[in-house]
């Protein structure tokens, strides 16, 4: 089994529909899907709030690079255009971690280099498995405790994908 944690976000168009389509696009590899959370945008670009969720997936035929390729295909299917760094997007899919893999490759750094400081990743992941470990950083529930309370409080549950 190659287990991975994927973080998904959308802030353009029908955010729930983009997230739902992406989760459906993962098919039978999905093991768990968090609730959807509304979160403030990250970075210097003025834009609408995101809807974010975390998906736990596994497939023994897919390696870390394969999860990245799947993520990029899902983004492409949602019409993702990469024009502005940290800009608005129909769908953003990040590979947060892949079981047993540490990578410093600039195209696929694992675990994700900023996941430990992002409430929009940690809150939905904690919903699914608060005792999960982010390699090199520790347990998800403890990482959440280290974030500023206002950042955690800004992550608001809005529903579930169907």
C-alpha atoms as a PDB file:
ATOM      1  CA  UNK A   1       0.000   0.000   0.000  1.00  0.00           C
ATOM      2  CA  UNK A   2       1.230   3.506  -0.842  1.00  0.00           C
ATOM      3  CA  UNK A   3      -0.729   5.804   1.433  1.00  0.00           C
ATOM      4  CA  UNK A   4      -0.742   9.548   0.856  1.00  0.00           C
ATOM      5  CA  UNK A   5      -2.340  12.665   2.275  1.00  0.00           C
ATOM      6  CA  UNK A   6      -3.671  15.152  -0.276  1.00  0.00           C
ATOM      7  CA  UNK A   7      -4.814  18.683   0.510  1.00  0.00           C
ATOM      8  CA  UNK A   8      -7.331  20.258  -1.885  1.00  0.00           C
ATOM      9  CA  UNK A   9      -8.539  23.817  -2.183  1.00  0.00           C
ATOM     10  CA  UNK A  10     -10.695  25.916  -4.497  1.00  0.00           C
ATOM     11  CA  UNK A  11     -11.665  29.589  -4.534  1.00  0.00           C
ATOM     12  CA  UNK A  12     -12.857  30.166  -8.117  1.00  0.00           C
ATOM     13  CA  UNK A  13     -16.259  29.197  -9.501  1.00  0.00           C
ATOM     14  CA  UNK A  14     -18.322  26.499  -7.813  1.00  0.00           C
ATOM     15  CA  UNK A  15     -15.824  25.562  -5.097  1.00  0.00           C
ATOM     16  CA  UNK A  16     -17.831  22.600  -3.779  1.00  0.00           C
ATOM     17  CA  UNK A  17     -18.298  21.195  -7.274  1.00  0.00           C
ATOM     18  CA  UNK A  18     -14.562  21.434  -8.002  1.00  0.00           C
ATOM     19  CA  UNK A  19     -13.704  19.643  -4.763  1.00  0.00           C
ATOM     20  CA  UNK A  20     -16.401  17.007  -5.269  1.00  0.00           C
ATOM     21  CA  UNK A  21     -15.202  16.260  -8.799  1.00  0.00           C
ATOM     22  CA  UNK A  22     -11.615  15.941  -7.606  1.00  0.00           C
ATOM     23  CA  UNK A  23     -12.531  13.502  -4.835  1.00  0.00           C
ATOM     24  CA  UNK A  24     -14.631  11.472  -7.298  1.00  0.00           C
ATOM     25  CA  UNK A  25     -11.667  11.531  -9.697  1.00  0.00           C
ATOM     26  CA  UNK A  26      -9.590   9.643  -7.135  1.00  0.00           C
ATOM     27  CA  UNK A  27     -12.078   6.769  -7.289  1.00  0.00           C
ATOM     28  CA  UNK A  28     -11.507   3.687  -5.170  1.00  0.00           C
ATOM     29  CA  UNK A  29      -8.182   5.011  -3.857  1.00  0.00           C
ATOM     30  CA  UNK A  30     -10.000   7.283  -1.374  1.00  0.00           C
ATOM     31  CA  UNK A  31      -9.913   6.006   2.207  1.00  0.00           C
ATOM     32  CA  UNK A  32     -11.285   9.093   3.999  1.00  0.00           C
ATOM     33  CA  UNK A  33     -12.432  12.629   3.163  1.00  0.00           C
ATOM     34  CA  UNK A  34     -12.592  15.450   5.688  1.00  0.00           C
ATOM     35  CA  UNK A  35     -15.325  18.010   5.923  1.00  0.00           C
ATOM     36  CA  UNK A  36     -14.954  21.121   3.766  1.00  0.00           C
ATOM     37  CA  UNK A  37     -13.605  24.198   5.535  1.00  0.00           C
ATOM     38  CA  UNK A  38     -13.727  27.846   4.484  1.00  0.00           C
ATOM     39  CA  UNK A  39     -10.313  29.402   4.956  1.00  0.00           C
ATOM     40  CA  UNK A  40      -8.738  32.779   4.292  1.00  0.00           C
ATOM     41  CA  UNK A  41      -6.388  32.892   1.291  1.00  0.00           C
ATOM     42  CA  UNK A  42      -2.672  32.421   1.859  1.00  0.00           C
ATOM     43  CA  UNK A  43      -0.214  34.916   0.398  1.00  0.00           C
ATOM     44  CA  UNK A  44      -0.185  38.513  -0.811  1.00  0.00           C
ATOM     45  CA  UNK A  45      -2.813  38.292  -3.595  1.00  0.00           C
ATOM     46  CA  UNK A  46      -6.294  39.718  -2.869  1.00  0.00           C
ATOM     47  CA  UNK A  47      -8.830  36.948  -3.573  1.00  0.00           C
ATOM     48  CA  UNK A  48     -11.916  35.144  -2.239  1.00  0.00           C
ATOM     49  CA  UNK A  49     -11.791  32.633   0.610  1.00  0.00           C
ATOM     50  CA  UNK A  50     -10.923  29.030  -0.195  1.00  0.00           C
ATOM     51  CA  UNK A  51     -12.830  25.871   0.462  1.00  0.00           C
ATOM     52  CA  UNK A  52     -10.332  23.225   1.634  1.00  0.00           C
ATOM     53  CA  UNK A  53     -10.392  19.562   2.552  1.00  0.00           C
ATOM     54  CA  UNK A  54      -7.974  16.684   3.103  1.00  0.00           C
ATOM     55  CA  UNK A  55      -8.201  13.276   1.468  1.00  0.00           C
ATOM     56  CA  UNK A  56      -6.446  10.115   2.669  1.00  0.00           C
ATOM     57  CA  UNK A  57      -5.689   7.847  -0.270  1.00  0.00           C
ATOM     58  CA  UNK A  58      -3.801   4.629  -0.942  1.00  0.00           C
ATOM     59  CA  UNK A  59      -2.911   2.503  -3.917  1.00  0.00           C
ATOM     60  CA  UNK A  60      -0.010   0.060  -3.996  1.00  0.00           C
ATOM     61  CA  UNK A  61       0.547   0.758  -7.704  1.00  0.00           C
ATOM     62  CA  UNK A  62       1.217   4.494  -7.258  1.00  0.00           C
ATOM     63  CA  UNK A  63       4.449   5.994  -5.957  1.00  0.00           C
ATOM     64  CA  UNK A  64       5.028   9.572  -4.787  1.00  0.00           C
ATOM     65  CA  UNK A  65       5.556  10.904  -8.306  1.00  0.00           C
ATOM     66  CA  UNK A  66       2.383   9.094  -9.373  1.00  0.00           C
ATOM     67  CA  UNK A  67       0.398  10.936  -6.671  1.00  0.00           C
ATOM     68  CA  UNK A  68       1.822  14.226  -7.964  1.00  0.00           C
ATOM     69  CA  UNK A  69       0.782  13.329 -11.508  1.00  0.00           C
ATOM     70  CA  UNK A  70      -2.717  12.429 -10.318  1.00  0.00           C
ATOM     71  CA  UNK A  71      -2.941  15.753  -8.472  1.00  0.00           C
ATOM     72  CA  UNK A  72      -1.894  17.671 -11.590  1.00  0.00           C
ATOM     73  CA  UNK A  73      -4.426  15.786 -13.740  1.00  0.00           C
ATOM     74  CA  UNK A  74      -7.206  16.647 -11.293  1.00  0.00           C
ATOM     75  CA  UNK A  75      -6.171  20.309 -11.396  1.00  0.00           C
ATOM     76  CA  UNK A  76      -6.131  20.250 -15.198  1.00  0.00           C
ATOM     77  CA  UNK A  77      -9.578  18.664 -15.337  1.00  0.00           C
ATOM     78  CA  UNK A  78     -10.848  21.546 -13.182  1.00  0.00           C
ATOM     79  CA  UNK A  79      -9.386  24.103 -15.596  1.00  0.00           C
ATOM     80  CA  UNK A  80      -6.542  25.192 -13.317  1.00  0.00           C
ATOM     81  CA  UNK A  81      -4.364  27.892 -14.881  1.00  0.00           C
ATOM     82  CA  UNK A  82      -1.037  28.773 -13.242  1.00  0.00           C
ATOM     83  CA  UNK A  83      -0.533  32.477 -13.818  1.00  0.00           C
ATOM     84  CA  UNK A  84      -0.010  34.122 -10.414  1.00  0.00           C
ATOM     85  CA  UNK A  85       1.847  32.526  -7.503  1.00  0.00           C
ATOM     86  CA  UNK A  86      -0.557  32.121  -4.573  1.00  0.00           C
ATOM     87  CA  UNK A  87      -3.309  33.444  -6.832  1.00  0.00           C
ATOM     88  CA  UNK A  88      -6.913  32.291  -7.136  1.00  0.00           C
ATOM     89  CA  UNK A  89      -7.537  28.846  -8.573  1.00  0.00           C
ATOM     90  CA  UNK A  90     -10.315  26.502  -9.532  1.00  0.00           C
ATOM     91  CA  UNK A  91      -8.471  23.638  -7.851  1.00  0.00           C
ATOM     92  CA  UNK A  92      -5.210  23.220  -6.011  1.00  0.00           C
ATOM     93  CA  UNK A  93      -4.136  19.711  -5.025  1.00  0.00           C
ATOM     94  CA  UNK A  94      -1.017  19.347  -2.893  1.00  0.00           C
ATOM     95  CA  UNK A  95       0.655  16.071  -2.004  1.00  0.00           C
ATOM     96  CA  UNK A  96       1.282  16.636   1.697  1.00  0.00           C
ATOM     97  CA  UNK A  97       2.972  13.356   2.513  1.00  0.00           C
ATOM     98  CA  UNK A  98       3.448   9.890   1.067  1.00  0.00           C
ATOM     99  CA  UNK A  99       4.062   7.043   3.485  1.00  0.00           C
ATOM    100  CA  UNK A 100       7.770   6.355   3.904  1.00  0.00           C
ATOM    101  CA  UNK A 101       8.910   8.997   1.406  1.00  0.00           C
ATOM    102  CA  UNK A 102      11.153  11.976   2.088  1.00  0.00           C
ATOM    103  CA  UNK A 103      12.087  14.007  -0.969  1.00  0.00           C
ATOM    104  CA  UNK A 104      13.998  17.236  -1.535  1.00  0.00           C
ATOM    105  CA  UNK A 105      13.198  17.286  -5.250  1.00  0.00           C
ATOM    106  CA  UNK A 106      12.033  20.846  -6.043  1.00  0.00           C
ATOM    107  CA  UNK A 107       9.131  19.418  -8.090  1.00  0.00           C
ATOM    108  CA  UNK A 108       7.985  17.155  -5.242  1.00  0.00           C
ATOM    109  CA  UNK A 109       9.250  18.073  -1.789  1.00  0.00           C
ATOM    110  CA  UNK A 110       7.935  15.605   0.795  1.00  0.00           C
ATOM    111  CA  UNK A 111       6.604  16.083   3.275  1.00  0.00           C
ATOM    112  CA  UNK A 112       5.137  19.341   1.967  1.00  0.00           C
ATOM    113  CA  UNK A 113       7.528  22.009   3.295  1.00  0.00           C
ATOM    114  CA  UNK A 114       4.860  24.304   4.771  1.00  0.00           C
ATOM    115  CA  UNK A 115       2.106  21.877   5.794  1.00  0.00           C
ATOM    116  CA  UNK A 116       3.112  22.045   9.462  1.00  0.00           C
ATOM    117  CA  UNK A 117       2.310  25.769   9.578  1.00  0.00           C
ATOM    118  CA  UNK A 118      -0.968  25.793   7.636  1.00  0.00           C
ATOM    119  CA  UNK A 119      -4.199  25.488   9.563  1.00  0.00           C
ATOM    120  CA  UNK A 120      -6.098  24.817   6.316  1.00  0.00           C
ATOM    121  CA  UNK A 121      -4.174  21.527   6.050  1.00  0.00           C
ATOM    122  CA  UNK A 122      -3.916  20.585   9.717  1.00  0.00           C
ATOM    123  CA  UNK A 123      -7.540  21.209  10.789  1.00  0.00           C
ATOM    124  CA  UNK A 124      -9.134  18.915   8.174  1.00  0.00           C
ATOM    125  CA  UNK A 125      -6.373  16.324   8.616  1.00  0.00           C
ATOM    126  CA  UNK A 126      -6.895  16.352  12.387  1.00  0.00           C
ATOM    127  CA  UNK A 127     -10.592  15.667  11.795  1.00  0.00           C
ATOM    128  CA  UNK A 128      -9.605  12.420  10.073  1.00  0.00           C
ATOM    129  CA  UNK A 129      -6.637  11.372  12.205  1.00  0.00           C
ATOM    130  CA  UNK A 130      -5.406  13.749  14.940  1.00  0.00           C
ATOM    131  CA  UNK A 131      -2.602  11.376  15.982  1.00  0.00           C
ATOM    132  CA  UNK A 132      -1.183  11.097  12.457  1.00  0.00           C
ATOM    133  CA  UNK A 133       2.457  12.090  12.098  1.00  0.00           C
ATOM    134  CA  UNK A 134       3.791  14.667   9.686  1.00  0.00           C
ATOM    135  CA  UNK A 135       7.326  13.334   9.178  1.00  0.00           C
ATOM    136  CA  UNK A 136       9.946  15.624  10.651  1.00  0.00           C
ATOM    137  CA  UNK A 137       7.379  17.735  12.501  1.00  0.00           C
ATOM    138  CA  UNK A 138       5.317  15.499  14.786  1.00  0.00           C
ATOM    139  CA  UNK A 139       1.692  14.722  15.502  1.00  0.00           C
ATOM    140  CA  UNK A 140      -1.025  16.715  13.759  1.00  0.00           C
ATOM    141  CA  UNK A 141      -2.877  17.580  16.985  1.00  0.00           C
ATOM    142  CA  UNK A 142       0.323  18.934  18.548  1.00  0.00           C
ATOM    143  CA  UNK A 143       1.187  20.946  15.433  1.00  0.00           C
ATOM    144  CA  UNK A 144      -2.250  22.562  15.610  1.00  0.00           C
ATOM    145  CA  UNK A 145      -1.607  23.541  19.229  1.00  0.00           C
ATOM    146  CA  UNK A 146       1.508  25.423  18.094  1.00  0.00           C
ATOM    147  CA  UNK A 147      -0.343  27.604  15.572  1.00  0.00           C
ATOM    148  CA  UNK A 148      -1.757  30.994  16.560  1.00  0.00           C
ATOM    149  CA  UNK A 149      -5.318  30.432  17.862  1.00  0.00           C
ATOM    150  CA  UNK A 150      -6.703  33.073  15.466  1.00  0.00           C
ATOM    151  CA  UNK A 151      -5.373  31.112  12.465  1.00  0.00           C
ATOM    152  CA  UNK A 152      -7.028  27.912  13.663  1.00  0.00           C
ATOM    153  CA  UNK A 153     -10.283  29.730  14.477  1.00  0.00           C
ATOM    154  CA  UNK A 154     -10.357  31.174  10.929  1.00  0.00           C
ATOM    155  CA  UNK A 155     -10.791  27.642   9.519  1.00  0.00           C
ATOM    156  CA  UNK A 156     -14.578  27.184   9.571  1.00  0.00           C
ATOM    157  CA  UNK A 157     -16.432  23.973   8.667  1.00  0.00           C
ATOM    158  CA  UNK A 158     -18.964  24.584   5.878  1.00  0.00           C
ATOM    159  CA  UNK A 159     -20.122  21.077   4.932  1.00  0.00           C
ATOM    160  CA  UNK A 160     -19.111  17.938   3.068  1.00  0.00           C
ATOM    161  CA  UNK A 161     -18.538  17.017  -0.555  1.00  0.00           C
ATOM    162  CA  UNK A 162     -20.967  14.597  -2.218  1.00  0.00           C
END
